[in-house]
Amino acid sequence: MEASQLANVVGTGAALCSMTSFAPQILKIWRERDASSVSLRMYAITVTGFALWIAYGVLIGSWPVTGANTVCLLMSATILFLKWRFSRREPAGRV
């Protein structure tokens, strides 16, 4: 396998891991209707980081970097939105 092919395989694997890593958190928050354990600061920084990665991908003309980070931005922004949505009311079971 050539170095460029290996780089593409590694990059694809990294992108898939990054993109799917948010799914379990989104599902957990949605099912429990509770995002109290989610760090608002951490996800705000994560969303900012993905926005910067997208800008970087556009600037260097790398559509794989741009595309993968756009998906990650949307998923991490979803978690941030759910944090906001479910923190506006008391979680189920709390009094």
C-alpha atoms as a PDB file:
ATOM      1  CA  MET A   1       0.000   0.000   0.000  1.00  0.00           C
ATOM      2  CA  GLU A   2       1.363   3.407  -0.982  1.00  0.00           C
ATOM      3  CA  ALA A   3       1.838   6.135   1.612  1.00  0.00           C
ATOM      4  CA  SER A   4      -0.955   8.250   0.088  1.00  0.00           C
ATOM      5  CA  GLN A   5      -3.348   5.292   0.153  1.00  0.00           C
ATOM      6  CA  LEU A   6      -2.434   4.576   3.762  1.00  0.00           C
ATOM      7  CA  ALA A   7      -2.969   8.260   4.608  1.00  0.00           C
ATOM      8  CA  ASN A   8      -6.432   8.107   3.017  1.00  0.00           C
ATOM      9  CA  VAL A   9      -7.343   4.964   4.975  1.00  0.00           C
ATOM     10  CA  VAL A  10      -6.139   6.494   8.243  1.00  0.00           C
ATOM     11  CA  GLY A  11      -7.902   9.790   7.492  1.00  0.00           C
ATOM     12  CA  THR A  12     -11.143   8.026   6.627  1.00  0.00           C
ATOM     13  CA  GLY A  13     -10.989   5.987   9.822  1.00  0.00           C
ATOM     14  CA  ALA A  14     -10.287   9.088  11.900  1.00  0.00           C
ATOM     15  CA  ALA A  15     -13.162  10.975  10.262  1.00  0.00           C
ATOM     16  CA  LEU A  16     -15.603   8.110  10.830  1.00  0.00           C
ATOM     17  CA  CYS A  17     -14.591   7.793  14.483  1.00  0.00           C
ATOM     18  CA  SER A  18     -14.930  11.541  15.026  1.00  0.00           C
ATOM     19  CA  MET A  19     -18.289  11.736  13.296  1.00  0.00           C
ATOM     20  CA  THR A  20     -19.832   8.765  15.101  1.00  0.00           C
ATOM     21  CA  SER A  21     -18.441   9.624  18.540  1.00  0.00           C
ATOM     22  CA  PHE A  22     -21.233  12.113  19.192  1.00  0.00           C
ATOM     23  CA  ALA A  23     -24.113   9.753  18.380  1.00  0.00           C
ATOM     24  CA  PRO A  24     -24.195   7.891  21.738  1.00  0.00           C
ATOM     25  CA  GLN A  25     -24.271  11.180  23.668  1.00  0.00           C
ATOM     26  CA  ILE A  26     -27.065  12.563  21.493  1.00  0.00           C
ATOM     27  CA  LEU A  27     -29.132   9.381  21.921  1.00  0.00           C
ATOM     28  CA  LYS A  28     -28.581   9.320  25.689  1.00  0.00           C
ATOM     29  CA  ILE A  29     -29.613  12.952  26.102  1.00  0.00           C
ATOM     30  CA  TRP A  30     -32.651  12.514  23.857  1.00  0.00           C
ATOM     31  CA  ARG A  31     -33.869   9.338  25.588  1.00  0.00           C
ATOM     32  CA  GLU A  32     -33.389  10.671  29.114  1.00  0.00           C
ATOM     33  CA  ARG A  33     -34.424  14.245  28.296  1.00  0.00           C
ATOM     34  CA  ASP A  34     -31.548  15.259  30.556  1.00  0.00           C
ATOM     35  CA  ALA A  35     -28.309  16.990  29.626  1.00  0.00           C
ATOM     36  CA  SER A  36     -27.259  18.037  33.107  1.00  0.00           C
ATOM     37  CA  SER A  37     -24.075  15.953  32.904  1.00  0.00           C
ATOM     38  CA  VAL A  38     -22.971  17.673  29.680  1.00  0.00           C
ATOM     39  CA  SER A  39     -20.385  20.409  30.081  1.00  0.00           C
ATOM     40  CA  LEU A  40     -21.634  23.569  28.394  1.00  0.00           C
ATOM     41  CA  ARG A  41     -18.124  25.047  28.229  1.00  0.00           C
ATOM     42  CA  MET A  42     -16.622  21.918  26.737  1.00  0.00           C
ATOM     43  CA  TYR A  43     -19.190  21.695  23.954  1.00  0.00           C
ATOM     44  CA  ALA A  44     -18.979  25.446  23.274  1.00  0.00           C
ATOM     45  CA  ILE A  45     -15.228  25.022  22.787  1.00  0.00           C
ATOM     46  CA  THR A  46     -15.769  21.866  20.711  1.00  0.00           C
ATOM     47  CA  VAL A  47     -18.226  23.649  18.400  1.00  0.00           C
ATOM     48  CA  THR A  48     -15.777  26.538  18.028  1.00  0.00           C
ATOM     49  CA  GLY A  49     -12.958  24.112  17.258  1.00  0.00           C
ATOM     50  CA  PHE A  50     -14.963  22.368  14.541  1.00  0.00           C
ATOM     51  CA  ALA A  51     -15.897  25.736  13.009  1.00  0.00           C
ATOM     52  CA  LEU A  52     -12.190  26.595  12.885  1.00  0.00           C
ATOM     53  CA  TRP A  53     -11.354  23.191  11.329  1.00  0.00           C
ATOM     54  CA  ILE A  54     -13.977  23.875   8.652  1.00  0.00           C
ATOM     55  CA  ALA A  55     -12.416  27.265   7.934  1.00  0.00           C
ATOM     56  CA  TYR A  56      -8.984  25.610   7.765  1.00  0.00           C
ATOM     57  CA  GLY A  57     -10.290  22.941   5.378  1.00  0.00           C
ATOM     58  CA  VAL A  58     -11.781  25.602   3.114  1.00  0.00           C
ATOM     59  CA  LEU A  59      -8.584  27.689   3.196  1.00  0.00           C
ATOM     60  CA  ILE A  60      -6.361  24.761   2.199  1.00  0.00           C
ATOM     61  CA  GLY A  61      -8.933  23.386  -0.253  1.00  0.00           C
ATOM     62  CA  SER A  62      -9.344  20.067   1.560  1.00  0.00           C
ATOM     63  CA  TRP A  63     -12.943  18.974   1.110  1.00  0.00           C
ATOM     64  CA  PRO A  64     -12.488  15.808   3.211  1.00  0.00           C
ATOM     65  CA  VAL A  65     -11.371  17.953   6.174  1.00  0.00           C
ATOM     66  CA  THR A  66     -14.208  20.391   5.540  1.00  0.00           C
ATOM     67  CA  GLY A  67     -16.866  17.682   5.129  1.00  0.00           C
ATOM     68  CA  ALA A  68     -15.899  15.574   8.128  1.00  0.00           C
ATOM     69  CA  ASN A  69     -15.691  18.597  10.386  1.00  0.00           C
ATOM     70  CA  THR A  70     -19.019  19.921   9.120  1.00  0.00           C
ATOM     71  CA  VAL A  71     -20.685  16.669  10.207  1.00  0.00           C
ATOM     72  CA  CYS A  72     -18.894  16.867  13.580  1.00  0.00           C
ATOM     73  CA  LEU A  73     -19.941  20.502  13.978  1.00  0.00           C
ATOM     74  CA  LEU A  74     -23.585  19.624  13.333  1.00  0.00           C
ATOM     75  CA  MET A  75     -23.514  16.739  15.809  1.00  0.00           C
ATOM     76  CA  SER A  76     -21.731  18.669  18.564  1.00  0.00           C
ATOM     77  CA  ALA A  77     -24.029  21.651  17.970  1.00  0.00           C
ATOM     78  CA  THR A  78     -26.974  19.262  18.381  1.00  0.00           C
ATOM     79  CA  ILE A  79     -25.651  18.295  21.809  1.00  0.00           C
ATOM     80  CA  LEU A  80     -25.191  21.963  22.677  1.00  0.00           C
ATOM     81  CA  PHE A  81     -28.782  22.664  21.566  1.00  0.00           C
ATOM     82  CA  LEU A  82     -30.114  19.731  23.595  1.00  0.00           C
ATOM     83  CA  LYS A  83     -28.165  20.987  26.625  1.00  0.00           C
ATOM     84  CA  TRP A  84     -29.863  24.353  26.237  1.00  0.00           C
ATOM     85  CA  ARG A  85     -33.291  22.834  25.570  1.00  0.00           C
ATOM     86  CA  PHE A  86     -33.339  20.400  28.480  1.00  0.00           C
ATOM     87  CA  SER A  87     -31.688  22.760  30.959  1.00  0.00           C
ATOM     88  CA  ARG A  88     -34.607  25.165  30.570  1.00  0.00           C
ATOM     89  CA  ARG A  89     -36.785  22.819  32.622  1.00  0.00           C
ATOM     90  CA  GLU A  90     -36.227  20.420  35.462  1.00  0.00           C
ATOM     91  CA  PRO A  91     -35.254  16.878  34.359  1.00  0.00           C
ATOM     92  CA  ALA A  92     -37.802  14.120  34.915  1.00  0.00           C
ATOM     93  CA  GLY A  93     -37.705  12.757  38.443  1.00  0.00           C
ATOM     94  CA  ARG A  94     -36.279  15.901  40.043  1.00  0.00           C
ATOM     95  CA  VAL A  95     -38.245  18.039  42.423  1.00  0.00           C
END
